[in-house]
N, C-alpha and C. Protein backbone atom coordinates (compact mmCIF):
# COMPACT_ATOMS: atom_id res chain seq x y z
N MET A 1 0.86 -1.13 -0.03
CA MET A 1 -0.03 -0.01 -0.07
C MET A 1 0.93 1.16 0.03
N PRO A 2 0.58 2.24 -0.91
CA PRO A 2 1.43 3.37 -0.95
C PRO A 2 1.33 4.33 0.15
N VAL A 3 2.47 4.97 0.47
CA VAL A 3 2.36 5.94 1.69
C VAL A 3 1.67 7.17 1.28
N PRO A 4 0.68 7.78 2.01
CA PRO A 4 -0.06 8.85 1.59
C PRO A 4 0.89 10.12 1.52
N GLN A 5 0.62 10.95 0.52
CA GLN A 5 1.49 12.09 0.28
C GLN A 5 1.07 13.28 1.33
N LYS A 6 1.94 13.89 1.87
CA LYS A 6 1.71 15.03 2.85
C LYS A 6 1.56 16.28 1.98
N ASP A 7 0.62 17.15 2.35
CA ASP A 7 0.55 18.40 1.59
C ASP A 7 1.56 19.40 2.19
N GLY A 8 2.15 20.31 1.37
CA GLY A 8 3.08 21.23 1.77
C GLY A 8 4.50 20.67 1.56
N PRO A 9 5.52 21.50 1.90
CA PRO A 9 6.82 21.14 1.65
C PRO A 9 7.41 20.05 2.57
N ARG A 10 8.38 19.32 2.10
CA ARG A 10 8.93 18.20 2.93
C ARG A 10 9.87 18.78 3.96
N ALA A 11 9.92 18.02 5.15
CA ALA A 11 10.80 18.54 6.24
C ALA A 11 11.61 17.44 6.77
N ASN A 12 12.78 17.72 7.28
CA ASN A 12 13.68 16.86 8.09
C ASN A 12 13.88 15.51 7.29
N ARG A 13 13.52 14.40 7.91
CA ARG A 13 13.75 13.02 7.29
C ARG A 13 12.81 12.75 6.27
N ASP A 14 11.83 13.59 5.96
CA ASP A 14 10.92 13.29 4.72
C ASP A 14 11.61 13.68 3.51
N ILE A 15 12.72 14.39 3.57
CA ILE A 15 13.48 14.82 2.39
C ILE A 15 14.36 13.64 2.05
N ARG A 16 13.99 12.89 0.94
CA ARG A 16 14.79 11.63 0.63
C ARG A 16 15.41 11.78 -0.70
N GLY A 17 16.41 11.05 -0.95
CA GLY A 17 17.04 10.93 -2.38
C GLY A 17 17.90 12.15 -2.62
N VAL A 18 18.35 12.91 -1.53
CA VAL A 18 19.23 13.95 -1.78
C VAL A 18 20.46 13.86 -1.07
N ARG A 19 21.65 14.19 -1.66
CA ARG A 19 22.88 14.06 -1.02
C ARG A 19 23.35 15.52 -0.51
N GLU A 20 23.00 16.43 -1.38
CA GLU A 20 23.46 17.81 -0.97
C GLU A 20 22.21 18.71 -1.19
N VAL A 21 22.29 19.82 -0.35
CA VAL A 21 21.24 20.92 -0.37
C VAL A 21 21.88 22.29 -0.39
N GLN A 22 21.23 23.20 -0.99
CA GLN A 22 21.59 24.68 -0.86
C GLN A 22 20.93 25.10 0.38
N LEU A 23 21.71 25.52 1.41
CA LEU A 23 21.27 25.79 2.73
C LEU A 23 21.11 27.26 3.04
N ILE A 24 19.91 27.58 3.54
CA ILE A 24 19.73 29.01 4.06
C ILE A 24 19.42 28.91 5.50
N ASP A 25 20.24 29.69 6.29
CA ASP A 25 20.04 29.50 7.76
C ASP A 25 18.97 30.37 8.23
N GLU A 26 18.69 30.31 9.57
CA GLU A 26 17.55 31.02 10.21
C GLU A 26 17.54 32.47 10.05
N GLU A 27 18.74 33.16 9.80
CA GLU A 27 18.69 34.58 9.54
C GLU A 27 18.52 34.96 8.10
N GLY A 28 18.42 33.86 7.21
CA GLY A 28 18.19 34.16 5.85
C GLY A 28 19.54 34.22 5.05
N GLN A 29 20.64 33.85 5.60
CA GLN A 29 22.01 33.97 4.93
C GLN A 29 22.15 32.64 4.20
N ASN A 30 22.67 32.74 2.96
CA ASN A 30 23.01 31.65 2.12
C ASN A 30 24.25 30.94 2.61
N ARG A 31 24.25 29.64 3.11
CA ARG A 31 25.38 28.97 3.54
C ARG A 31 26.01 28.16 2.34
N GLY A 32 25.42 28.18 1.21
CA GLY A 32 25.94 27.46 0.05
C GLY A 32 25.58 25.97 0.06
N VAL A 33 26.19 25.26 -0.87
CA VAL A 33 25.90 23.83 -0.99
C VAL A 33 26.53 22.98 0.19
N VAL A 34 25.65 22.18 1.00
CA VAL A 34 26.08 21.52 2.13
C VAL A 34 25.54 20.15 2.07
N GLN A 35 26.34 19.22 2.54
CA GLN A 35 25.91 17.83 2.62
C GLN A 35 24.50 17.81 3.38
N PHE A 36 23.56 16.92 3.06
CA PHE A 36 22.26 16.78 3.57
C PHE A 36 22.29 16.51 5.11
N LEU A 37 23.13 15.52 5.45
CA LEU A 37 23.16 15.14 6.81
C LEU A 37 23.78 16.23 7.73
N ASP A 38 24.75 16.90 7.19
CA ASP A 38 25.30 18.15 7.87
C ASP A 38 24.24 19.18 8.11
N ALA A 39 23.41 19.45 7.10
CA ALA A 39 22.32 20.42 7.23
C ALA A 39 21.29 19.95 8.29
N LEU A 40 20.97 18.64 8.27
CA LEU A 40 20.05 18.07 9.20
C LEU A 40 20.54 18.15 10.64
N ASN A 41 21.90 17.94 10.81
CA ASN A 41 22.42 18.07 12.18
C ASN A 41 22.46 19.52 12.59
N MET A 42 22.71 20.47 11.74
CA MET A 42 22.71 21.85 12.02
C MET A 42 21.32 22.23 12.49
N ALA A 43 20.25 21.78 11.82
CA ALA A 43 18.91 22.05 12.25
C ALA A 43 18.52 21.49 13.54
N GLU A 44 18.96 20.26 13.86
CA GLU A 44 18.67 19.64 15.15
C GLU A 44 19.36 20.40 16.34
N GLU A 45 20.65 20.84 16.03
CA GLU A 45 21.41 21.53 17.07
C GLU A 45 20.71 22.93 17.46
N ALA A 46 20.12 23.56 16.38
CA ALA A 46 19.54 24.89 16.53
C ALA A 46 18.09 24.71 17.04
N GLY A 47 17.66 23.45 17.09
CA GLY A 47 16.23 23.25 17.67
C GLY A 47 15.25 23.65 16.56
N LEU A 48 15.62 23.52 15.40
CA LEU A 48 14.75 24.00 14.24
C LEU A 48 14.45 22.76 13.30
N ASP A 49 13.86 23.07 12.26
CA ASP A 49 13.55 22.04 11.18
C ASP A 49 14.28 22.27 9.84
N LEU A 50 14.61 21.43 9.10
CA LEU A 50 15.20 21.52 7.81
C LEU A 50 14.00 21.44 6.89
N VAL A 51 13.59 22.48 6.23
CA VAL A 51 12.37 22.48 5.35
C VAL A 51 12.87 22.80 3.85
N GLU A 52 12.30 21.93 2.95
CA GLU A 52 12.65 22.04 1.56
C GLU A 52 11.82 23.12 0.96
N ILE A 53 12.41 24.26 0.51
CA ILE A 53 11.76 25.33 -0.01
C ILE A 53 11.48 25.23 -1.52
N ALA A 54 12.51 24.97 -2.27
CA ALA A 54 12.56 24.75 -3.69
C ALA A 54 12.99 23.39 -4.08
N PRO A 55 12.14 22.43 -4.12
CA PRO A 55 12.50 21.02 -4.43
C PRO A 55 12.91 20.82 -5.81
N ASN A 56 12.53 21.59 -6.80
CA ASN A 56 12.80 21.32 -8.20
C ASN A 56 14.24 21.88 -8.59
N SER A 57 14.79 22.75 -7.77
CA SER A 57 16.11 23.28 -8.17
C SER A 57 17.30 22.16 -7.93
N GLU A 58 18.38 22.42 -8.55
CA GLU A 58 19.51 21.47 -8.43
C GLU A 58 20.71 22.16 -7.82
N PRO A 59 21.14 21.91 -6.64
CA PRO A 59 20.45 21.07 -5.69
C PRO A 59 19.22 21.72 -4.98
N PRO A 60 18.45 20.91 -4.32
CA PRO A 60 17.22 21.56 -3.70
C PRO A 60 17.61 22.61 -2.63
N VAL A 61 16.72 23.62 -2.61
CA VAL A 61 17.01 24.67 -1.56
C VAL A 61 16.19 24.31 -0.24
N CYS A 62 16.95 24.30 0.82
CA CYS A 62 16.43 24.02 2.06
C CYS A 62 16.71 25.19 3.12
N LYS A 63 15.82 25.33 4.06
CA LYS A 63 15.90 26.53 4.93
C LYS A 63 15.84 26.01 6.33
N LEU A 64 16.45 26.49 7.38
CA LEU A 64 16.36 26.19 8.80
C LEU A 64 15.25 27.11 9.36
N LEU A 65 14.15 26.54 9.83
CA LEU A 65 13.11 27.28 10.37
C LEU A 65 12.23 26.47 11.25
N ASP A 66 11.27 27.09 12.00
CA ASP A 66 10.39 26.36 12.86
C ASP A 66 9.21 25.86 11.92
N TYR A 67 9.09 24.60 11.64
CA TYR A 67 8.12 24.13 10.70
C TYR A 67 6.68 24.37 11.17
N GLY A 68 6.39 24.30 12.46
CA GLY A 68 5.11 24.59 12.92
C GLY A 68 4.60 25.94 12.62
N LYS A 69 5.53 26.86 12.95
CA LYS A 69 5.23 28.29 12.65
C LYS A 69 5.08 28.56 11.15
N PHE A 70 5.95 27.97 10.45
CA PHE A 70 5.91 28.12 8.92
C PHE A 70 4.54 27.67 8.37
N ARG A 71 4.11 26.49 8.83
CA ARG A 71 2.80 25.99 8.29
C ARG A 71 1.66 26.90 8.82
N PHE A 72 1.67 27.41 10.11
CA PHE A 72 0.70 28.29 10.57
C PHE A 72 0.62 29.57 9.74
N ASP A 73 1.77 30.17 9.41
CA ASP A 73 1.79 31.37 8.54
C ASP A 73 1.31 31.13 7.20
N GLN A 74 1.50 29.91 6.57
CA GLN A 74 0.97 29.62 5.33
C GLN A 74 -0.43 29.56 5.27
N GLN A 75 -0.96 28.91 6.35
CA GLN A 75 -2.41 28.79 6.47
C GLN A 75 -3.15 30.10 6.62
N LYS A 76 -2.46 30.99 7.44
CA LYS A 76 -2.98 32.31 7.63
C LYS A 76 -3.01 33.20 6.24
N LYS A 77 -2.00 33.02 5.44
CA LYS A 77 -1.89 33.69 4.16
C LYS A 77 -3.06 33.16 3.25
N ALA A 78 -3.23 31.85 3.19
CA ALA A 78 -4.21 31.21 2.37
C ALA A 78 -5.61 31.67 2.79
N ALA A 79 -5.90 31.74 4.15
CA ALA A 79 -7.20 32.22 4.64
C ALA A 79 -7.37 33.68 4.25
N GLU A 80 -6.39 34.45 4.30
CA GLU A 80 -6.49 35.94 3.88
C GLU A 80 -6.81 36.02 2.41
N ALA A 81 -6.11 35.26 1.52
CA ALA A 81 -6.36 35.24 0.15
C ALA A 81 -7.82 34.79 -0.16
N ARG A 82 -8.25 33.84 0.56
CA ARG A 82 -9.72 33.41 0.33
C ARG A 82 -10.73 34.47 0.79
N LYS A 83 -10.27 35.19 1.79
CA LYS A 83 -11.16 36.20 2.35
C LYS A 83 -11.32 37.38 1.30
N LYS A 84 -10.19 37.75 0.53
CA LYS A 84 -10.14 38.79 -0.36
C LYS A 84 -10.82 38.43 -1.76
N GLN A 85 -11.03 37.14 -1.95
CA GLN A 85 -11.52 36.59 -3.17
C GLN A 85 -12.98 36.91 -3.35
N LYS A 86 -13.48 37.38 -4.50
CA LYS A 86 -14.85 37.65 -4.75
C LYS A 86 -15.37 36.67 -5.73
N THR A 87 -16.50 36.06 -5.49
CA THR A 87 -17.11 35.10 -6.44
C THR A 87 -18.06 36.00 -7.35
N VAL A 88 -17.95 35.67 -8.63
CA VAL A 88 -18.84 36.42 -9.63
C VAL A 88 -20.15 35.69 -9.72
N GLU A 89 -21.22 36.50 -9.43
CA GLU A 89 -22.52 35.99 -9.46
C GLU A 89 -23.17 36.43 -10.84
N VAL A 90 -24.23 35.71 -11.14
CA VAL A 90 -24.99 35.95 -12.36
C VAL A 90 -26.32 36.42 -11.82
N LYS A 91 -26.58 37.79 -12.08
CA LYS A 91 -27.86 38.48 -11.61
C LYS A 91 -28.80 38.35 -12.83
N GLU A 92 -30.04 38.26 -12.61
CA GLU A 92 -31.01 38.21 -13.77
C GLU A 92 -31.94 39.42 -13.79
N ILE A 93 -32.12 39.89 -14.87
CA ILE A 93 -33.11 41.04 -15.10
C ILE A 93 -34.09 40.56 -15.97
N LYS A 94 -35.37 40.59 -15.70
CA LYS A 94 -36.47 40.13 -16.64
C LYS A 94 -37.21 41.33 -17.24
N LEU A 95 -37.37 41.27 -18.57
CA LEU A 95 -37.97 42.31 -19.36
C LEU A 95 -39.21 41.70 -20.12
N ARG A 96 -39.96 42.55 -20.64
CA ARG A 96 -41.10 42.20 -21.52
C ARG A 96 -41.02 43.08 -22.79
N PRO A 97 -41.41 42.58 -23.97
CA PRO A 97 -41.27 43.44 -25.09
C PRO A 97 -41.94 44.81 -25.10
N GLY A 98 -43.08 44.86 -24.41
CA GLY A 98 -43.81 46.21 -24.33
C GLY A 98 -43.49 46.99 -23.12
N ILE A 99 -42.24 46.92 -22.63
CA ILE A 99 -41.87 47.64 -21.42
C ILE A 99 -41.97 49.15 -21.55
N ASP A 100 -42.49 49.83 -20.56
CA ASP A 100 -42.55 51.26 -20.56
C ASP A 100 -41.19 51.90 -20.36
N THR A 101 -41.05 53.09 -20.68
CA THR A 101 -39.72 53.84 -20.64
C THR A 101 -39.23 53.91 -19.13
N HIS A 102 -40.15 54.31 -18.27
CA HIS A 102 -39.65 54.49 -16.94
C HIS A 102 -39.27 53.11 -16.23
N ASP A 103 -40.08 52.09 -16.60
CA ASP A 103 -39.74 50.72 -16.11
C ASP A 103 -38.36 50.30 -16.69
N TYR A 104 -38.16 50.56 -17.97
CA TYR A 104 -36.90 50.22 -18.68
C TYR A 104 -35.68 50.94 -17.92
N GLU A 105 -35.93 52.25 -17.74
CA GLU A 105 -34.81 53.05 -17.06
C GLU A 105 -34.51 52.41 -15.70
N THR A 106 -35.51 52.05 -14.90
CA THR A 106 -35.29 51.43 -13.59
C THR A 106 -34.49 50.22 -13.67
N LYS A 107 -34.80 49.34 -14.71
CA LYS A 107 -34.13 48.03 -14.89
C LYS A 107 -32.72 48.37 -15.28
N MET A 108 -32.44 49.35 -16.09
CA MET A 108 -31.13 49.71 -16.57
C MET A 108 -30.28 50.17 -15.40
N LYS A 109 -30.80 50.87 -14.40
CA LYS A 109 -30.16 51.37 -13.25
C LYS A 109 -29.65 50.16 -12.43
N ALA A 110 -30.55 49.18 -12.32
CA ALA A 110 -30.15 47.89 -11.57
C ALA A 110 -29.09 47.20 -12.26
N VAL A 111 -29.12 47.14 -13.68
CA VAL A 111 -28.04 46.46 -14.43
C VAL A 111 -26.71 47.07 -14.16
N ARG A 112 -26.69 48.49 -14.18
CA ARG A 112 -25.37 49.25 -13.94
C ARG A 112 -24.88 48.96 -12.56
N ARG A 113 -25.90 48.86 -11.51
CA ARG A 113 -25.40 48.64 -10.23
C ARG A 113 -24.79 47.26 -10.06
N PHE A 114 -25.31 46.29 -10.73
CA PHE A 114 -24.82 44.92 -10.78
C PHE A 114 -23.42 44.92 -11.31
N PHE A 115 -23.15 45.68 -12.53
CA PHE A 115 -21.85 45.71 -13.04
C PHE A 115 -20.89 46.44 -12.15
N ASP A 116 -21.40 47.42 -11.39
CA ASP A 116 -20.45 48.09 -10.44
C ASP A 116 -19.91 47.08 -9.32
N GLU A 117 -20.90 46.21 -8.90
CA GLU A 117 -20.45 45.23 -7.95
C GLU A 117 -19.65 44.07 -8.49
N GLY A 118 -19.46 44.00 -9.85
CA GLY A 118 -18.52 43.08 -10.50
C GLY A 118 -19.28 41.81 -10.93
N ASP A 119 -20.61 41.83 -10.90
CA ASP A 119 -21.46 40.56 -11.20
C ASP A 119 -21.73 40.67 -12.72
N LYS A 120 -22.06 39.46 -13.28
CA LYS A 120 -22.55 39.35 -14.66
C LYS A 120 -24.05 39.50 -14.60
N VAL A 121 -24.65 39.86 -15.76
CA VAL A 121 -26.09 40.06 -15.80
C VAL A 121 -26.70 39.27 -16.92
N LYS A 122 -27.71 38.52 -16.62
CA LYS A 122 -28.48 37.76 -17.60
C LYS A 122 -29.77 38.48 -17.83
N ILE A 123 -29.94 38.88 -19.10
CA ILE A 123 -31.20 39.67 -19.54
C ILE A 123 -32.10 38.60 -20.00
N THR A 124 -33.25 38.50 -19.47
CA THR A 124 -34.29 37.55 -19.97
C THR A 124 -35.50 38.30 -20.45
N LEU A 125 -35.92 38.06 -21.74
CA LEU A 125 -37.03 38.81 -22.27
C LEU A 125 -38.05 37.72 -22.55
N ARG A 126 -39.16 37.80 -21.86
CA ARG A 126 -40.24 36.76 -21.95
C ARG A 126 -41.31 37.23 -22.88
N PHE A 127 -41.65 36.30 -23.75
CA PHE A 127 -42.79 36.55 -24.79
C PHE A 127 -43.93 35.79 -24.22
N ARG A 128 -45.21 36.47 -24.36
CA ARG A 128 -46.35 35.74 -24.00
C ARG A 128 -47.40 35.81 -25.05
N GLY A 129 -48.04 34.71 -25.34
CA GLY A 129 -49.14 34.72 -26.36
C GLY A 129 -48.73 35.07 -27.70
N ARG A 130 -49.48 36.21 -28.24
CA ARG A 130 -49.19 36.63 -29.60
C ARG A 130 -48.00 37.48 -29.72
N GLU A 131 -47.27 37.68 -28.63
CA GLU A 131 -45.99 38.49 -28.71
C GLU A 131 -44.96 37.64 -29.44
N MET A 132 -45.16 36.27 -29.52
CA MET A 132 -44.20 35.41 -30.20
C MET A 132 -44.17 35.79 -31.63
N ALA A 133 -45.23 36.34 -32.20
CA ALA A 133 -45.26 36.77 -33.62
C ALA A 133 -44.47 38.00 -33.87
N HIS A 134 -44.10 38.71 -32.85
CA HIS A 134 -43.24 39.91 -32.99
C HIS A 134 -41.97 39.86 -32.22
N GLN A 135 -41.26 38.90 -32.58
CA GLN A 135 -39.87 38.69 -31.91
C GLN A 135 -38.96 39.76 -32.31
N ASP A 136 -39.10 40.44 -33.41
CA ASP A 136 -38.28 41.56 -33.77
C ASP A 136 -38.33 42.74 -32.81
N ILE A 137 -39.59 42.97 -32.15
CA ILE A 137 -39.54 44.01 -31.14
C ILE A 137 -38.72 43.68 -29.92
N GLY A 138 -38.70 42.37 -29.57
CA GLY A 138 -37.90 41.95 -28.38
C GLY A 138 -36.36 42.00 -28.74
N TYR A 139 -36.08 41.58 -30.02
CA TYR A 139 -34.61 41.65 -30.48
C TYR A 139 -34.19 43.10 -30.53
N ARG A 140 -35.00 44.05 -30.97
CA ARG A 140 -34.59 45.48 -30.90
C ARG A 140 -34.34 45.93 -29.41
N LEU A 141 -35.16 45.54 -28.60
CA LEU A 141 -35.09 45.86 -27.13
C LEU A 141 -33.73 45.38 -26.64
N MET A 142 -33.36 44.05 -27.00
CA MET A 142 -32.13 43.50 -26.50
C MET A 142 -30.91 44.33 -27.07
N LEU A 143 -31.01 44.67 -28.39
CA LEU A 143 -29.90 45.52 -29.02
C LEU A 143 -29.81 46.84 -28.25
N ARG A 144 -30.94 47.40 -27.88
CA ARG A 144 -30.93 48.80 -27.13
C ARG A 144 -30.21 48.56 -25.81
N VAL A 145 -30.48 47.49 -25.06
CA VAL A 145 -29.77 47.19 -23.77
C VAL A 145 -28.23 46.99 -24.07
N LYS A 146 -28.00 46.35 -25.12
CA LYS A 146 -26.54 46.07 -25.44
C LYS A 146 -25.85 47.29 -25.70
N ASP A 147 -26.51 48.33 -26.59
CA ASP A 147 -25.89 49.58 -26.88
C ASP A 147 -25.72 50.46 -25.67
N GLU A 148 -26.71 50.46 -24.76
CA GLU A 148 -26.61 51.29 -23.54
C GLU A 148 -25.58 50.92 -22.59
N THR A 149 -25.35 49.57 -22.48
CA THR A 149 -24.39 49.07 -21.58
C THR A 149 -22.99 48.81 -22.16
N ASN A 150 -22.83 49.19 -23.38
CA ASN A 150 -21.57 48.98 -24.13
C ASN A 150 -20.37 49.50 -23.44
N ASP A 151 -20.46 50.73 -22.77
CA ASP A 151 -19.36 51.33 -22.11
C ASP A 151 -18.92 50.60 -20.84
N VAL A 152 -19.75 49.84 -20.22
CA VAL A 152 -19.44 49.15 -18.91
C VAL A 152 -19.41 47.73 -19.03
N ALA A 153 -19.96 47.11 -20.15
CA ALA A 153 -20.12 45.68 -20.15
C ALA A 153 -19.81 45.13 -21.63
N LYS A 154 -19.33 43.83 -21.67
CA LYS A 154 -19.24 43.24 -22.93
C LYS A 154 -20.25 42.05 -22.98
N VAL A 155 -20.68 41.74 -24.26
CA VAL A 155 -21.58 40.73 -24.43
C VAL A 155 -20.97 39.30 -24.33
N GLU A 156 -21.38 38.49 -23.48
CA GLU A 156 -20.78 37.15 -23.29
C GLU A 156 -21.62 36.11 -24.13
N LEU A 157 -22.93 36.37 -24.29
CA LEU A 157 -23.78 35.58 -25.01
C LEU A 157 -24.79 36.40 -25.74
N GLU A 158 -24.65 36.43 -27.10
CA GLU A 158 -25.56 37.25 -27.93
C GLU A 158 -27.06 36.89 -27.69
N PRO A 159 -27.90 37.82 -28.02
CA PRO A 159 -29.34 37.48 -27.83
C PRO A 159 -29.74 36.24 -28.62
N GLN A 160 -30.32 35.34 -27.98
CA GLN A 160 -30.75 34.14 -28.63
C GLN A 160 -32.11 33.65 -28.03
N LEU A 161 -32.94 33.07 -28.88
CA LEU A 161 -34.29 32.61 -28.50
C LEU A 161 -34.22 31.24 -27.99
N GLU A 162 -34.80 31.05 -26.78
CA GLU A 162 -34.91 29.70 -26.09
C GLU A 162 -36.33 29.46 -25.69
N GLY A 163 -37.04 28.84 -26.48
CA GLY A 163 -38.51 28.58 -26.21
C GLY A 163 -39.25 29.90 -26.36
N ARG A 164 -39.91 30.27 -25.31
CA ARG A 164 -40.72 31.53 -25.28
C ARG A 164 -39.92 32.76 -24.72
N GLN A 165 -38.54 32.56 -24.52
CA GLN A 165 -37.80 33.79 -24.03
C GLN A 165 -36.53 33.99 -24.77
N MET A 166 -36.15 35.13 -24.78
CA MET A 166 -34.80 35.60 -25.37
C MET A 166 -33.88 35.79 -24.33
N ILE A 167 -32.64 35.34 -24.46
CA ILE A 167 -31.69 35.53 -23.46
C ILE A 167 -30.34 36.15 -23.93
N MET A 168 -29.82 37.02 -23.12
CA MET A 168 -28.41 37.65 -23.37
C MET A 168 -27.73 37.71 -22.09
N ILE A 169 -26.43 37.39 -22.15
CA ILE A 169 -25.64 37.52 -20.92
C ILE A 169 -24.51 38.55 -21.17
N LEU A 170 -24.44 39.53 -20.24
CA LEU A 170 -23.42 40.50 -20.25
C LEU A 170 -22.48 40.35 -19.12
N ALA A 171 -21.20 40.72 -19.30
CA ALA A 171 -20.17 40.60 -18.16
C ALA A 171 -19.56 41.97 -18.09
N PRO A 172 -19.15 42.42 -16.90
CA PRO A 172 -18.54 43.71 -16.75
C PRO A 172 -17.20 43.67 -17.37
N ARG A 173 -16.75 44.91 -17.90
CA ARG A 173 -15.51 45.12 -18.54
C ARG A 173 -14.44 45.18 -17.53
């Protein structure tokens, strides 16, 4: 049965298959190329761990440091990066072909607010009954939305008919 791989850099005796390492001491000074066992002894004498920082270089770069503190700092950085990360949501605006001008302007204000927040917007134009015979009115309305948002958004999905509704997706620039 294979040994499970640990996540993160290798430390101390987990570093295998290496005779020499490029050693950086606890003050950050480069000690040059050192035998692996000598580096491991230096780490044990200082009460620190020998941690592999750059495993792919030749020879691998190892540093003397407190491995527990190192892992804690890495986790803290990762948590901070996750906190700053924003997920892009898709907000939906529903329109009708015979929408009045004031209602249209209100919907457009909402669309611009969504773009300011960094979200994508899905414009859905629903046709009812005999409105299906006048799809050109709906298409012109979609083109109007596209033209008015052209300065703040780019079209991700051109207006297309899906059943009884026309859909267009816009993404912020």
